[in-house]
Amino acid sequence: MNFDEYQAGTKTTAVYPESGTSSLAALSYLALGLAGESGEVANKVKKLIRDGDSPEKREVIVSEIGDALWYISQLCTELGISIGEAARANLTKLSSRKERGVLHGDGDNR
């Protein structure tokens, strides 16, 4: 499956306030959902450290990553871009930082 296929699939399960309107309410809902799912990923990883690692526990993390990806996909949809466009833009940004020797550090405008 590629990003475009996945994004088309997420649109069929998009049920949230003002879905498909690109409104602030839709974007806010999705951003909050992404934050929640990202927190769940982090919490599951934390529990690996505390309780031990196993293939089953890693499967649960993969499931949570999928949930986060759904929110990313729908954010892209509401912003009028494809996930592929977001991915390409990210790689372009990272390549530029690497070429300029500024992969390390912090700040958005490196």
PDB file of N, CA and C in Angstrom:
ATOM      1  N   MET A   1       0.838  -1.176   0.000  1.00  0.00           N
ATOM      2  CA  MET A   1       0.000   0.000   0.000  1.00  0.00           C
ATOM      3  C   MET A   1       0.888   1.246   0.000  1.00  0.00           C
ATOM      4  N   ASN A   2       0.503   2.231  -0.782  1.00  0.00           N
ATOM      5  CA  ASN A   2       1.243   3.490  -0.774  1.00  0.00           C
ATOM      6  C   ASN A   2       0.455   4.552  -0.012  1.00  0.00           C
ATOM      7  N   PHE A   3       1.073   5.706   0.155  1.00  0.00           N
ATOM      8  CA  PHE A   3       0.443   6.778   0.925  1.00  0.00           C
ATOM      9  C   PHE A   3      -0.897   7.205   0.334  1.00  0.00           C
ATOM     10  N   ASP A   4      -0.972   7.325  -0.983  1.00  0.00           N
ATOM     11  CA  ASP A   4      -2.217   7.771  -1.603  1.00  0.00           C
ATOM     12  C   ASP A   4      -3.353   6.795  -1.338  1.00  0.00           C
ATOM     13  N   GLU A   5      -3.068   5.510  -1.435  1.00  0.00           N
ATOM     14  CA  GLU A   5      -4.094   4.498  -1.149  1.00  0.00           C
ATOM     15  C   GLU A   5      -4.542   4.582   0.306  1.00  0.00           C
ATOM     16  N   TYR A   6      -3.583   4.741   1.192  1.00  0.00           N
ATOM     17  CA  TYR A   6      -3.918   4.834   2.611  1.00  0.00           C
ATOM     18  C   TYR A   6      -4.766   6.071   2.881  1.00  0.00           C
ATOM     19  N   GLN A   7      -4.358   7.200   2.319  1.00  0.00           N
ATOM     20  CA  GLN A   7      -5.094   8.433   2.559  1.00  0.00           C
ATOM     21  C   GLN A   7      -6.518   8.328   2.011  1.00  0.00           C
ATOM     22  N   ALA A   8      -6.695   7.717   0.865  1.00  0.00           N
ATOM     23  CA  ALA A   8      -8.042   7.506   0.330  1.00  0.00           C
ATOM     24  C   ALA A   8      -8.859   6.634   1.278  1.00  0.00           C
ATOM     25  N   GLY A   9      -8.228   5.638   1.871  1.00  0.00           N
ATOM     26  CA  GLY A   9      -8.921   4.764   2.812  1.00  0.00           C
ATOM     27  C   GLY A   9      -9.317   5.474   4.088  1.00  0.00           C
ATOM     28  N   THR A  10      -8.454   6.367   4.578  1.00  0.00           N
ATOM     29  CA  THR A  10      -8.796   7.059   5.824  1.00  0.00           C
ATOM     30  C   THR A  10      -9.987   7.984   5.623  1.00  0.00           C
ATOM     31  N   LYS A  11     -10.137   8.508   4.423  1.00  0.00           N
ATOM     32  CA  LYS A  11     -11.273   9.390   4.152  1.00  0.00           C
ATOM     33  C   LYS A  11     -12.601   8.655   4.344  1.00  0.00           C
ATOM     34  N   THR A  12     -12.596   7.345   4.111  1.00  0.00           N
ATOM     35  CA  THR A  12     -13.847   6.583   4.231  1.00  0.00           C
ATOM     36  C   THR A  12     -14.238   6.336   5.679  1.00  0.00           C
ATOM     37  N   THR A  13     -13.324   6.585   6.604  1.00  0.00           N
ATOM     38  CA  THR A  13     -13.612   6.368   8.027  1.00  0.00           C
ATOM     39  C   THR A  13     -13.536   7.673   8.815  1.00  0.00           C
ATOM     40  N   ALA A  14     -13.573   8.793   8.103  1.00  0.00           N
ATOM     41  CA  ALA A  14     -13.426  10.104   8.738  1.00  0.00           C
ATOM     42  C   ALA A  14     -14.773  10.573   9.288  1.00  0.00           C
ATOM     43  N   VAL A  15     -14.959  10.362  10.580  1.00  0.00           N
ATOM     44  CA  VAL A  15     -16.173  10.805  11.255  1.00  0.00           C
ATOM     45  C   VAL A  15     -15.744  11.655  12.439  1.00  0.00           C
ATOM     46  N   TYR A  16     -15.823  12.961  12.271  1.00  0.00           N
ATOM     47  CA  TYR A  16     -15.471  13.903  13.332  1.00  0.00           C
ATOM     48  C   TYR A  16     -16.122  15.237  12.998  1.00  0.00           C
ATOM     49  N   PRO A  17     -16.182  16.144  13.955  1.00  0.00           N
ATOM     50  CA  PRO A  17     -16.840  17.429  13.721  1.00  0.00           C
ATOM     51  C   PRO A  17     -16.271  18.167  12.514  1.00  0.00           C
ATOM     52  N   GLU A  18     -17.149  18.572  11.628  1.00  0.00           N
ATOM     53  CA  GLU A  18     -16.811  19.358  10.445  1.00  0.00           C
ATOM     54  C   GLU A  18     -15.825  18.658   9.509  1.00  0.00           C
ATOM     55  N   SER A  19     -15.890  17.329   9.484  1.00  0.00           N
ATOM     56  CA  SER A  19     -15.037  16.543   8.601  1.00  0.00           C
ATOM     57  C   SER A  19     -15.173  17.017   7.157  1.00  0.00           C
ATOM     58  N   GLY A  20     -14.030  17.198   6.509  1.00  0.00           N
ATOM     59  CA  GLY A  20     -14.011  17.575   5.105  1.00  0.00           C
ATOM     60  C   GLY A  20     -14.182  19.056   4.835  1.00  0.00           C
ATOM     61  N   THR A  21     -14.217  19.872   5.870  1.00  0.00           N
ATOM     62  CA  THR A  21     -14.443  21.303   5.681  1.00  0.00           C
ATOM     63  C   THR A  21     -13.174  22.138   5.764  1.00  0.00           C
ATOM     64  N   SER A  22     -12.089  21.554   6.188  1.00  0.00           N
ATOM     65  CA  SER A  22     -10.823  22.270   6.414  1.00  0.00           C
ATOM     66  C   SER A  22     -10.958  23.356   7.471  1.00  0.00           C
ATOM     67  N   SER A  23     -11.973  23.248   8.303  1.00  0.00           N
ATOM     68  CA  SER A  23     -12.223  24.266   9.323  1.00  0.00           C
ATOM     69  C   SER A  23     -11.239  24.143  10.480  1.00  0.00           C
ATOM     70  N   LEU A  24     -11.191  25.181  11.270  1.00  0.00           N
ATOM     71  CA  LEU A  24     -10.369  25.159  12.469  1.00  0.00           C
ATOM     72  C   LEU A  24     -10.839  24.061  13.411  1.00  0.00           C
ATOM     73  N   ALA A  25     -12.143  23.830  13.480  1.00  0.00           N
ATOM     74  CA  ALA A  25     -12.674  22.769  14.341  1.00  0.00           C
ATOM     75  C   ALA A  25     -12.170  21.402  13.888  1.00  0.00           C
ATOM     76  N   ALA A  26     -12.174  21.150  12.581  1.00  0.00           N
ATOM     77  CA  ALA A  26     -11.682  19.870  12.066  1.00  0.00           C
ATOM     78  C   ALA A  26     -10.193  19.715  12.335  1.00  0.00           C
ATOM     79  N   LEU A  27      -9.422  20.762  12.041  1.00  0.00           N
ATOM     80  CA  LEU A  27      -7.978  20.705  12.274  1.00  0.00           C
ATOM     81  C   LEU A  27      -7.665  20.517  13.755  1.00  0.00           C
ATOM     82  N   SER A  28      -8.396  21.210  14.598  1.00  0.00           N
ATOM     83  CA  SER A  28      -8.168  21.091  16.045  1.00  0.00           C
ATOM     84  C   SER A  28      -8.467  19.686  16.532  1.00  0.00           C
ATOM     85  N   TYR A  29      -9.583  19.141  16.093  1.00  0.00           N
ATOM     86  CA  TYR A  29      -9.953  17.784  16.487  1.00  0.00           C
ATOM     87  C   TYR A  29      -8.845  16.801  16.110  1.00  0.00           C
ATOM     88  N   LEU A  30      -8.359  16.924  14.885  1.00  0.00           N
ATOM     89  CA  LEU A  30      -7.330  15.999  14.397  1.00  0.00           C
ATOM     90  C   LEU A  30      -5.998  16.199  15.109  1.00  0.00           C
ATOM     91  N   ALA A  31      -5.614  17.440  15.355  1.00  0.00           N
ATOM     92  CA  ALA A  31      -4.354  17.700  16.054  1.00  0.00           C
ATOM     93  C   ALA A  31      -4.407  17.152  17.475  1.00  0.00           C
ATOM     94  N   LEU A  32      -5.541  17.328  18.138  1.00  0.00           N
ATOM     95  CA  LEU A  32      -5.683  16.784  19.490  1.00  0.00           C
ATOM     96  C   LEU A  32      -5.672  15.259  19.466  1.00  0.00           C
ATOM     97  N   GLY A  33      -6.302  14.669  18.474  1.00  0.00           N
ATOM     98  CA  GLY A  33      -6.273  13.218  18.346  1.00  0.00           C
ATOM     99  C   GLY A  33      -4.876  12.695  18.103  1.00  0.00           C
ATOM    100  N   LEU A  34      -4.111  13.396  17.259  1.00  0.00           N
ATOM    101  CA  LEU A  34      -2.725  13.003  16.994  1.00  0.00           C
ATOM    102  C   LEU A  34      -1.887  13.099  18.263  1.00  0.00           C
ATOM    103  N   ALA A  35      -2.087  14.155  19.025  1.00  0.00           N
ATOM    104  CA  ALA A  35      -1.349  14.297  20.283  1.00  0.00           C
ATOM    105  C   ALA A  35      -1.671  13.143  21.222  1.00  0.00           C
ATOM    106  N   GLY A  36      -2.944  12.779  21.300  1.00  0.00           N
ATOM    107  CA  GLY A  36      -3.346  11.672  22.163  1.00  0.00           C
ATOM    108  C   GLY A  36      -2.748  10.348  21.726  1.00  0.00           C
ATOM    109  N   GLU A  37      -2.800  10.067  20.439  1.00  0.00           N
ATOM    110  CA  GLU A  37      -2.254   8.804  19.935  1.00  0.00           C
ATOM    111  C   GLU A  37      -0.740   8.765  20.063  1.00  0.00           C
ATOM    112  N   SER A  38      -0.082   9.892  19.829  1.00  0.00           N
ATOM    113  CA  SER A  38       1.378   9.951  20.004  1.00  0.00           C
ATOM    114  C   SER A  38       1.741   9.687  21.454  1.00  0.00           C
ATOM    115  N   GLY A  39       0.938  10.216  22.356  1.00  0.00           N
ATOM    116  CA  GLY A  39       1.152   9.950  23.777  1.00  0.00           C
ATOM    117  C   GLY A  39       0.984   8.477  24.102  1.00  0.00           C
ATOM    118  N   GLU A  40       0.024   7.828  23.444  1.00  0.00           N
ATOM    119  CA  GLU A  40      -0.160   6.395  23.672  1.00  0.00           C
ATOM    120  C   GLU A  40       1.043   5.602  23.187  1.00  0.00           C
ATOM    121  N   VAL A  41       1.617   6.000  22.048  1.00  0.00           N
ATOM    122  CA  VAL A  41       2.836   5.340  21.555  1.00  0.00           C
ATOM    123  C   VAL A  41       3.940   5.489  22.593  1.00  0.00           C
ATOM    124  N   ALA A  42       4.147   6.711  23.052  1.00  0.00           N
ATOM    125  CA  ALA A  42       5.204   6.965  24.032  1.00  0.00           C
ATOM    126  C   ALA A  42       4.960   6.173  25.313  1.00  0.00           C
ATOM    127  N   ASN A  43       3.725   6.103  25.756  1.00  0.00           N
ATOM    128  CA  ASN A  43       3.410   5.376  26.982  1.00  0.00           C
ATOM    129  C   ASN A  43       3.677   3.885  26.839  1.00  0.00           C
ATOM    130  N   LYS A  44       3.349   3.318  25.684  1.00  0.00           N
ATOM    131  CA  LYS A  44       3.605   1.890  25.455  1.00  0.00           C
ATOM    132  C   LYS A  44       5.110   1.610  25.442  1.00  0.00           C
ATOM    133  N   VAL A  45       5.887   2.506  24.844  1.00  0.00           N
ATOM    134  CA  VAL A  45       7.344   2.338  24.835  1.00  0.00           C
ATOM    135  C   VAL A  45       7.882   2.452  26.254  1.00  0.00           C
ATOM    136  N   LYS A  46       7.362   3.403  27.012  1.00  0.00           N
ATOM    137  CA  LYS A  46       7.767   3.560  28.414  1.00  0.00           C
ATOM    138  C   LYS A  46       7.539   2.258  29.176  1.00  0.00           C
ATOM    139  N   LYS A  47       6.407   1.618  28.914  1.00  0.00           N
ATOM    140  CA  LYS A  47       6.085   0.374  29.616  1.00  0.00           C
ATOM    141  C   LYS A  47       7.010  -0.769  29.200  1.00  0.00           C
ATOM    142  N   LEU A  48       7.545  -0.713  27.967  1.00  0.00           N
ATOM    143  CA  LEU A  48       8.553  -1.704  27.573  1.00  0.00           C
ATOM    144  C   LEU A  48       9.779  -1.584  28.470  1.00  0.00           C
ATOM    145  N   ILE A  49      10.149  -0.340  28.749  1.00  0.00           N
ATOM    146  CA  ILE A  49      11.311  -0.105  29.610  1.00  0.00           C
ATOM    147  C   ILE A  49      11.023  -0.618  31.020  1.00  0.00           C
ATOM    148  N   ARG A  50       9.843  -0.310  31.515  1.00  0.00           N
ATOM    149  CA  ARG A  50       9.499  -0.668  32.888  1.00  0.00           C
ATOM    150  C   ARG A  50       9.211  -2.165  33.051  1.00  0.00           C
ATOM    151  N   ASP A  51       8.416  -2.727  32.119  1.00  0.00           N
ATOM    152  CA  ASP A  51       7.899  -4.090  32.301  1.00  0.00           C
ATOM    153  C   ASP A  51       8.589  -5.148  31.450  1.00  0.00           C
ATOM    154  N   GLY A  52       9.439  -4.725  30.536  1.00  0.00           N
ATOM    155  CA  GLY A  52      10.113  -5.683  29.662  1.00  0.00           C
ATOM    156  C   GLY A  52       9.514  -5.676  28.267  1.00  0.00           C
ATOM    157  N   ASP A  53      10.314  -6.114  27.351  1.00  0.00           N
ATOM    158  CA  ASP A  53       9.998  -6.105  25.930  1.00  0.00           C
ATOM    159  C   ASP A  53       9.431  -7.453  25.509  1.00  0.00           C
ATOM    160  N   SER A  54       8.571  -7.439  24.499  1.00  0.00           N
ATOM    161  CA  SER A  54       8.089  -8.683  23.901  1.00  0.00           C
ATOM    162  C   SER A  54       7.503  -8.369  22.528  1.00  0.00           C
ATOM    163  N   PRO A  55       7.454  -9.360  21.645  1.00  0.00           N
ATOM    164  CA  PRO A  55       6.848  -9.135  20.331  1.00  0.00           C
ATOM    165  C   PRO A  55       5.385  -8.692  20.436  1.00  0.00           C
ATOM    166  N   GLU A  56       4.669  -9.213  21.404  1.00  0.00           N
ATOM    167  CA  GLU A  56       3.259  -8.852  21.568  1.00  0.00           C
ATOM    168  C   GLU A  56       3.108  -7.374  21.950  1.00  0.00           C
ATOM    169  N   LYS A  57       3.980  -6.921  22.832  1.00  0.00           N
ATOM    170  CA  LYS A  57       3.932  -5.516  23.247  1.00  0.00           C
ATOM    171  C   LYS A  57       4.303  -4.597  22.090  1.00  0.00           C
ATOM    172  N   ARG A  58       5.223  -5.040  21.262  1.00  0.00           N
ATOM    173  CA  ARG A  58       5.601  -4.247  20.088  1.00  0.00           C
ATOM    174  C   ARG A  58       4.458  -4.181  19.072  1.00  0.00           C
ATOM    175  N   GLU A  59       3.677  -5.247  18.967  1.00  0.00           N
ATOM    176  CA  GLU A  59       2.511  -5.229  18.079  1.00  0.00           C
ATOM    177  C   GLU A  59       1.505  -4.167  18.511  1.00  0.00           C
ATOM    178  N   VAL A  60       1.341  -4.017  19.823  1.00  0.00           N
ATOM    179  CA  VAL A  60       0.434  -2.993  20.337  1.00  0.00           C
ATOM    180  C   VAL A  60       0.952  -1.606  19.968  1.00  0.00           C
ATOM    181  N   ILE A  61       2.266  -1.420  20.016  1.00  0.00           N
ATOM    182  CA  ILE A  61       2.861  -0.132  19.624  1.00  0.00           C
ATOM    183  C   ILE A  61       2.600   0.134  18.149  1.00  0.00           C
ATOM    184  N   VAL A  62       2.757  -0.881  17.321  1.00  0.00           N
ATOM    185  CA  VAL A  62       2.489  -0.730  15.888  1.00  0.00           C
ATOM    186  C   VAL A  62       1.041  -0.308  15.664  1.00  0.00           C
ATOM    187  N   SER A  63       0.128  -0.884  16.420  1.00  0.00           N
ATOM    188  CA  SER A  63      -1.283  -0.507  16.312  1.00  0.00           C
ATOM    189  C   SER A  63      -1.487   0.962  16.664  1.00  0.00           C
ATOM    190  N   GLU A  64      -0.826   1.417  17.706  1.00  0.00           N
ATOM    191  CA  GLU A  64      -0.935   2.823  18.107  1.00  0.00           C
ATOM    192  C   GLU A  64      -0.306   3.739  17.057  1.00  0.00           C
ATOM    193  N   ILE A  65       0.792   3.303  16.449  1.00  0.00           N
ATOM    194  CA  ILE A  65       1.406   4.078  15.363  1.00  0.00           C
ATOM    195  C   ILE A  65       0.409   4.217  14.214  1.00  0.00           C
ATOM    196  N   GLY A  66      -0.300   3.140  13.914  1.00  0.00           N
ATOM    197  CA  GLY A  66      -1.323   3.200  12.873  1.00  0.00           C
ATOM    198  C   GLY A  66      -2.402   4.221  13.195  1.00  0.00           C
ATOM    199  N   ASP A  67      -2.809   4.273  14.459  1.00  0.00           N
ATOM    200  CA  ASP A  67      -3.808   5.259  14.864  1.00  0.00           C
ATOM    201  C   ASP A  67      -3.280   6.678  14.669  1.00  0.00           C
ATOM    202  N   ALA A  68      -1.999   6.902  15.032  1.00  0.00           N
ATOM    203  CA  ALA A  68      -1.393   8.220  14.827  1.00  0.00           C
ATOM    204  C   ALA A  68      -1.322   8.544  13.336  1.00  0.00           C
ATOM    205  N   LEU A  69      -1.006   7.558  12.523  1.00  0.00           N
ATOM    206  CA  LEU A  69      -0.927   7.765  11.079  1.00  0.00           C
ATOM    207  C   LEU A  69      -2.279   8.166  10.503  1.00  0.00           C
ATOM    208  N   TRP A  70      -3.365   7.597  11.041  1.00  0.00           N
ATOM    209  CA  TRP A  70      -4.710   7.972  10.583  1.00  0.00           C
ATOM    210  C   TRP A  70      -4.928   9.468  10.792  1.00  0.00           C
ATOM    211  N   TYR A  71      -4.565   9.972  11.969  1.00  0.00           N
ATOM    212  CA  TYR A  71      -4.733  11.397  12.241  1.00  0.00           C
ATOM    213  C   TYR A  71      -3.842  12.242  11.333  1.00  0.00           C
ATOM    214  N   ILE A  72      -2.617  11.799  11.082  1.00  0.00           N
ATOM    215  CA  ILE A  72      -1.727  12.520  10.171  1.00  0.00           C
ATOM    216  C   ILE A  72      -2.339  12.568   8.775  1.00  0.00           C
ATOM    217  N   SER A  73      -2.856  11.442   8.331  1.00  0.00           N
ATOM    218  CA  SER A  73      -3.474  11.370   7.020  1.00  0.00           C
ATOM    219  C   SER A  73      -4.634  12.346   6.895  1.00  0.00           C
ATOM    220  N   GLN A  74      -5.490  12.368   7.899  1.00  0.00           N
ATOM    221  CA  GLN A  74      -6.645  13.250   7.840  1.00  0.00           C
ATOM    222  C   GLN A  74      -6.259  14.716   8.003  1.00  0.00           C
ATOM    223  N   LEU A  75      -5.225  14.999   8.778  1.00  0.00           N
ATOM    224  CA  LEU A  75      -4.719  16.372   8.842  1.00  0.00           C
ATOM    225  C   LEU A  75      -4.262  16.832   7.458  1.00  0.00           C
ATOM    226  N   CYS A  76      -3.532  15.963   6.787  1.00  0.00           N
ATOM    227  CA  CYS A  76      -3.093  16.296   5.425  1.00  0.00           C
ATOM    228  C   CYS A  76      -4.299  16.540   4.522  1.00  0.00           C
ATOM    229  N   THR A  77      -5.300  15.683   4.619  1.00  0.00           N
ATOM    230  CA  THR A  77      -6.505  15.842   3.805  1.00  0.00           C
ATOM    231  C   THR A  77      -7.151  17.196   4.072  1.00  0.00           C
ATOM    232  N   GLU A  78      -7.335  17.529   5.334  1.00  0.00           N
ATOM    233  CA  GLU A  78      -7.975  18.797   5.687  1.00  0.00           C
ATOM    234  C   GLU A  78      -7.130  19.994   5.255  1.00  0.00           C
ATOM    235  N   LEU A  79      -5.820  19.827   5.189  1.00  0.00           N
ATOM    236  CA  LEU A  79      -4.924  20.899   4.744  1.00  0.00           C
ATOM    237  C   LEU A  79      -4.791  20.949   3.220  1.00  0.00           C
ATOM    238  N   GLY A  80      -5.417  19.985   2.544  1.00  0.00           N
ATOM    239  CA  GLY A  80      -5.420  19.990   1.086  1.00  0.00           C
ATOM    240  C   GLY A  80      -4.161  19.456   0.443  1.00  0.00           C
ATOM    241  N   ILE A  81      -3.434  18.609   1.154  1.00  0.00           N
ATOM    242  CA  ILE A  81      -2.220  18.007   0.593  1.00  0.00           C
ATOM    243  C   ILE A  81      -2.274  16.499   0.769  1.00  0.00           C
ATOM    244  N   SER A  82      -1.436  15.808   0.041  1.00  0.00           N
ATOM    245  CA  SER A  82      -1.323  14.365   0.211  1.00  0.00           C
ATOM    246  C   SER A  82      -0.254  14.066   1.258  1.00  0.00           C
ATOM    247  N   ILE A  83      -0.348  12.877   1.849  1.00  0.00           N
ATOM    248  CA  ILE A  83       0.703  12.469   2.784  1.00  0.00           C
ATOM    249  C   ILE A  83       2.039  12.417   2.042  1.00  0.00           C
ATOM    250  N   GLY A  84       2.003  11.989   0.793  1.00  0.00           N
ATOM    251  CA  GLY A  84       3.220  11.937  -0.004  1.00  0.00           C
ATOM    252  C   GLY A  84       3.879  13.301  -0.119  1.00  0.00           C
ATOM    253  N   GLU A  85       3.063  14.352  -0.307  1.00  0.00           N
ATOM    254  CA  GLU A  85       3.611  15.705  -0.372  1.00  0.00           C
ATOM    255  C   GLU A  85       4.267  16.093   0.949  1.00  0.00           C
ATOM    256  N   ALA A  86       3.605  15.762   2.047  1.00  0.00           N
ATOM    257  CA  ALA A  86       4.170  16.065   3.364  1.00  0.00           C
ATOM    258  C   ALA A  86       5.477  15.305   3.569  1.00  0.00           C
ATOM    259  N   ALA A  87       5.504  14.045   3.146  1.00  0.00           N
ATOM    260  CA  ALA A  87       6.708  13.227   3.302  1.00  0.00           C
ATOM    261  C   ALA A  87       7.853  13.773   2.450  1.00  0.00           C
ATOM    262  N   ARG A  88       7.546  14.140   1.201  1.00  0.00           N
ATOM    263  CA  ARG A  88       8.583  14.704   0.326  1.00  0.00           C
ATOM    264  C   ARG A  88       9.121  16.014   0.890  1.00  0.00           C
ATOM    265  N   ALA A  89       8.234  16.873   1.369  1.00  0.00           N
ATOM    266  CA  ALA A  89       8.673  18.153   1.939  1.00  0.00           C
ATOM    267  C   ALA A  89       9.568  17.921   3.147  1.00  0.00           C
ATOM    268  N   ASN A  90       9.229  16.909   3.956  1.00  0.00           N
ATOM    269  CA  ASN A  90      10.045  16.614   5.130  1.00  0.00           C
ATOM    270  C   ASN A  90      11.426  16.133   4.723  1.00  0.00           C
ATOM    271  N   LEU A  91      11.502  15.244   3.732  1.00  0.00           N
ATOM    272  CA  LEU A  91      12.807  14.760   3.281  1.00  0.00           C
ATOM    273  C   LEU A  91      13.639  15.880   2.664  1.00  0.00           C
ATOM    274  N   THR A  92      12.985  16.773   1.934  1.00  0.00           N
ATOM    275  CA  THR A  92      13.690  17.918   1.360  1.00  0.00           C
ATOM    276  C   THR A  92      14.271  18.784   2.467  1.00  0.00           C
ATOM    277  N   LYS A  93      13.472  19.055   3.498  1.00  0.00           N
ATOM    278  CA  LYS A  93      13.934  19.859   4.635  1.00  0.00           C
ATOM    279  C   LYS A  93      15.112  19.177   5.330  1.00  0.00           C
ATOM    280  N   LEU A  94      15.000  17.870   5.573  1.00  0.00           N
ATOM    281  CA  LEU A  94      16.070  17.150   6.266  1.00  0.00           C
ATOM    282  C   LEU A  94      17.338  17.070   5.427  1.00  0.00           C
ATOM    283  N   SER A  95      17.182  16.879   4.111  1.00  0.00           N
ATOM    284  CA  SER A  95      18.352  16.852   3.228  1.00  0.00           C
ATOM    285  C   SER A  95      19.080  18.185   3.245  1.00  0.00           C
ATOM    286  N   SER A  96      18.307  19.266   3.241  1.00  0.00           N
ATOM    287  CA  SER A  96      18.908  20.595   3.299  1.00  0.00           C
ATOM    288  C   SER A  96      19.669  20.791   4.611  1.00  0.00           C
ATOM    289  N   ARG A  97      19.071  20.370   5.691  1.00  0.00           N
ATOM    290  CA  ARG A  97      19.751  20.491   6.990  1.00  0.00           C
ATOM    291  C   ARG A  97      21.034  19.666   7.010  1.00  0.00           C
ATOM    292  N   LYS A  98      20.976  18.474   6.422  1.00  0.00           N
ATOM    293  CA  LYS A  98      22.164  17.616   6.392  1.00  0.00           C
ATOM    294  C   LYS A  98      23.271  18.279   5.580  1.00  0.00           C
ATOM    295  N   GLU A  99      22.907  18.793   4.400  1.00  0.00           N
ATOM    296  CA  GLU A  99      23.898  19.452   3.541  1.00  0.00           C
ATOM    297  C   GLU A  99      24.533  20.650   4.231  1.00  0.00           C
ATOM    298  N   ARG A 100      23.757  21.359   5.035  1.00  0.00           N
ATOM    299  CA  ARG A 100      24.257  22.547   5.733  1.00  0.00           C
ATOM    300  C   ARG A 100      24.862  22.223   7.089  1.00  0.00           C
ATOM    301  N   GLY A 101      24.859  20.941   7.460  1.00  0.00           N
ATOM    302  CA  GLY A 101      25.454  20.509   8.719  1.00  0.00           C
ATOM    303  C   GLY A 101      24.678  20.952   9.946  1.00  0.00           C
ATOM    304  N   VAL A 102      23.351  21.072   9.815  1.00  0.00           N
ATOM    305  CA  VAL A 102      22.545  21.530  10.946  1.00  0.00           C
ATOM    306  C   VAL A 102      21.443  20.532  11.320  1.00  0.00           C
ATOM    307  N   LEU A 103      21.717  19.251  11.119  1.00  0.00           N
ATOM    308  CA  LEU A 103      20.748  18.240  11.556  1.00  0.00           C
ATOM    309  C   LEU A 103      20.613  18.248  13.073  1.00  0.00           C
ATOM    310  N   HIS A 104      21.718  18.507  13.750  1.00  0.00           N
ATOM    311  CA  HIS A 104      21.686  18.577  15.211  1.00  0.00           C
ATOM    312  C   HIS A 104      21.209  19.964  15.631  1.00  0.00           C
ATOM    313  N   GLY A 105      20.804  20.066  16.856  1.00  0.00           N
ATOM    314  CA  GLY A 105      20.364  21.349  17.372  1.00  0.00           C
ATOM    315  C   GLY A 105      18.870  21.413  17.475  1.00  0.00           C
ATOM    316  N   ASP A 106      18.362  22.616  17.665  1.00  0.00           N
ATOM    317  CA  ASP A 106      16.908  22.755  17.766  1.00  0.00           C
ATOM    318  C   ASP A 106      16.457  24.004  17.025  1.00  0.00           C
ATOM    319  N   GLY A 107      15.184  24.134  16.904  1.00  0.00           N
ATOM    320  CA  GLY A 107      14.603  25.265  16.185  1.00  0.00           C
ATOM    321  C   GLY A 107      14.084  24.833  14.838  1.00  0.00           C
ATOM    322  N   ASP A 108      13.020  25.466  14.420  1.00  0.00           N
ATOM    323  CA  ASP A 108      12.397  25.114  13.141  1.00  0.00           C
ATOM    324  C   ASP A 108      13.183  25.620  11.944  1.00  0.00           C
ATOM    325  N   ASN A 109      13.881  26.731  12.100  1.00  0.00           N
ATOM    326  CA  ASN A 109      14.529  27.369  10.960  1.00  0.00           C
ATOM    327  C   ASN A 109      16.033  27.147  10.970  1.00  0.00           C
ATOM    328  N   ARG A 110      16.403  25.879  10.872  1.00  0.00           N
ATOM    329  CA  ARG A 110      17.835  25.564  10.841  1.00  0.00           C
ATOM    330  C   ARG A 110      18.315  25.467   9.420  1.00  0.00           C
TER     331      ARG A 110
END
